[in-house]
Amino acid sequence: MPAIVGAVNVNSIGNSGIFHIGDVFQMSPVSSAKTFAGAGSFNTGDNISVSNTNSQTNTYDQDVNDQPVALNM
């Protein structure tokens, strides 16, 4: 349904956010991320004991594109 919109002030929009004024059929934001983490980084829960004496995270990535989002509608 059409609407009359007055002045709009946008302070910030998040990384995967959408700002739209007007009629819309479908909105689908697309984003991708790559995360490197060492051993024991994403542990959650009660009474966790992690012992990592020699921990290394290899971040060498020889390819250029891992998950392209171009034309991904």
C-alpha atoms as a PDB file:
ATOM      1  CA  MET A   1       0.000   0.000   0.000  1.00  0.00           C
ATOM      2  CA  PRO A   2       1.499   3.362  -0.973  1.00  0.00           C
ATOM      3  CA  ALA A   3       2.417   5.751   1.798  1.00  0.00           C
ATOM      4  CA  ILE A   4       3.658   9.313   2.114  1.00  0.00           C
ATOM      5  CA  VAL A   5       6.977   9.419   3.957  1.00  0.00           C
ATOM      6  CA  GLY A   6       8.452  12.597   5.384  1.00  0.00           C
ATOM      7  CA  ALA A   7      12.088  13.262   6.244  1.00  0.00           C
ATOM      8  CA  VAL A   8      14.128  10.187   7.139  1.00  0.00           C
ATOM      9  CA  ASN A   9      17.372  10.192   9.138  1.00  0.00           C
ATOM     10  CA  VAL A  10      19.399   6.960   9.122  1.00  0.00           C
ATOM     11  CA  ASN A  11      22.257   6.879  11.629  1.00  0.00           C
ATOM     12  CA  SER A  12      23.628   3.439  10.793  1.00  0.00           C
ATOM     13  CA  ILE A  13      22.737   0.130   9.190  1.00  0.00           C
ATOM     14  CA  GLY A  14      24.379  -3.147  10.179  1.00  0.00           C
ATOM     15  CA  ASN A  15      26.519  -5.305   7.893  1.00  0.00           C
ATOM     16  CA  SER A  16      23.666  -7.488   6.679  1.00  0.00           C
ATOM     17  CA  GLY A  17      20.814  -5.009   7.151  1.00  0.00           C
ATOM     18  CA  ILE A  18      18.333  -3.591   4.669  1.00  0.00           C
ATOM     19  CA  PHE A  19      16.845  -0.101   4.585  1.00  0.00           C
ATOM     20  CA  HIS A  20      13.918   0.296   2.224  1.00  0.00           C
ATOM     21  CA  ILE A  21      11.136   2.842   1.857  1.00  0.00           C
ATOM     22  CA  GLY A  22       8.230   2.065  -0.440  1.00  0.00           C
ATOM     23  CA  ASP A  23       6.530  -0.968  -1.891  1.00  0.00           C
ATOM     24  CA  VAL A  24       8.532  -4.167  -1.982  1.00  0.00           C
ATOM     25  CA  PHE A  25       7.868  -7.729  -3.099  1.00  0.00           C
ATOM     26  CA  GLN A  26      10.872  -9.540  -1.668  1.00  0.00           C
ATOM     27  CA  MET A  27      14.003  -8.494   0.227  1.00  0.00           C
ATOM     28  CA  SER A  28      16.821 -10.971   0.798  1.00  0.00           C
ATOM     29  CA  PRO A  29      20.159  -9.734   2.159  1.00  0.00           C
ATOM     30  CA  VAL A  30      23.183 -11.941   1.423  1.00  0.00           C
ATOM     31  CA  SER A  31      26.480 -12.006   3.282  1.00  0.00           C
ATOM     32  CA  SER A  32      29.361 -14.366   3.899  1.00  0.00           C
ATOM     33  CA  ALA A  33      32.174 -14.552   6.434  1.00  0.00           C
ATOM     34  CA  LYS A  34      35.257 -16.629   7.121  1.00  0.00           C
ATOM     35  CA  THR A  35      36.339 -17.298  10.687  1.00  0.00           C
ATOM     36  CA  PHE A  36      39.701 -18.566  11.874  1.00  0.00           C
ATOM     37  CA  ALA A  37      39.985 -19.758  15.459  1.00  0.00           C
ATOM     38  CA  GLY A  38      42.404 -21.881  17.436  1.00  0.00           C
ATOM     39  CA  ALA A  39      41.750 -25.009  19.423  1.00  0.00           C
ATOM     40  CA  GLY A  40      39.180 -24.561  22.190  1.00  0.00           C
ATOM     41  CA  SER A  41      37.894 -21.242  20.871  1.00  0.00           C
ATOM     42  CA  PHE A  42      34.177 -21.963  20.523  1.00  0.00           C
ATOM     43  CA  ASN A  43      33.639 -24.072  23.639  1.00  0.00           C
ATOM     44  CA  THR A  44      30.490 -23.234  25.610  1.00  0.00           C
ATOM     45  CA  GLY A  45      28.958 -24.856  28.645  1.00  0.00           C
ATOM     46  CA  ASP A  46      29.546 -25.446  32.329  1.00  0.00           C
ATOM     47  CA  ASN A  47      32.815 -26.754  33.864  1.00  0.00           C
ATOM     48  CA  ILE A  48      34.865 -26.854  30.651  1.00  0.00           C
ATOM     49  CA  SER A  49      38.555 -27.582  31.014  1.00  0.00           C
ATOM     50  CA  VAL A  50      40.691 -27.034  27.905  1.00  0.00           C
ATOM     51  CA  SER A  51      44.414 -27.716  27.811  1.00  0.00           C
ATOM     52  CA  ASN A  52      46.185 -26.745  24.587  1.00  0.00           C
ATOM     53  CA  THR A  53      49.931 -26.895  24.971  1.00  0.00           C
ATOM     54  CA  ASN A  54      50.960 -26.209  21.357  1.00  0.00           C
ATOM     55  CA  SER A  55      48.046 -24.741  19.439  1.00  0.00           C
ATOM     56  CA  GLN A  56      48.431 -23.238  15.968  1.00  0.00           C
ATOM     57  CA  THR A  57      45.855 -21.921  13.541  1.00  0.00           C
ATOM     58  CA  ASN A  58      46.954 -22.050   9.910  1.00  0.00           C
ATOM     59  CA  THR A  59      45.320 -19.120   8.095  1.00  0.00           C
ATOM     60  CA  TYR A  60      47.053 -19.525   4.727  1.00  0.00           C
ATOM     61  CA  ASP A  61      44.362 -19.614   2.055  1.00  0.00           C
ATOM     62  CA  GLN A  62      45.636 -19.891  -1.505  1.00  0.00           C
ATOM     63  CA  ASP A  63      42.346 -19.530  -3.372  1.00  0.00           C
ATOM     64  CA  VAL A  64      40.829 -16.094  -3.956  1.00  0.00           C
ATOM     65  CA  ASN A  65      37.077 -16.761  -3.659  1.00  0.00           C
ATOM     66  CA  ASP A  66      35.607 -19.145  -1.117  1.00  0.00           C
ATOM     67  CA  GLN A  67      31.923 -18.277  -1.214  1.00  0.00           C
ATOM     68  CA  PRO A  68      31.081 -15.584  -3.778  1.00  0.00           C
ATOM     69  CA  VAL A  69      27.815 -13.753  -3.207  1.00  0.00           C
ATOM     70  CA  ALA A  70      27.698 -11.933  -6.569  1.00  0.00           C
ATOM     71  CA  LEU A  71      24.376 -12.442  -8.366  1.00  0.00           C
ATOM     72  CA  ASN A  72      23.125 -14.543  -5.445  1.00  0.00           C
ATOM     73  CA  MET A  73      19.499 -13.430  -5.275  1.00  0.00           C
END
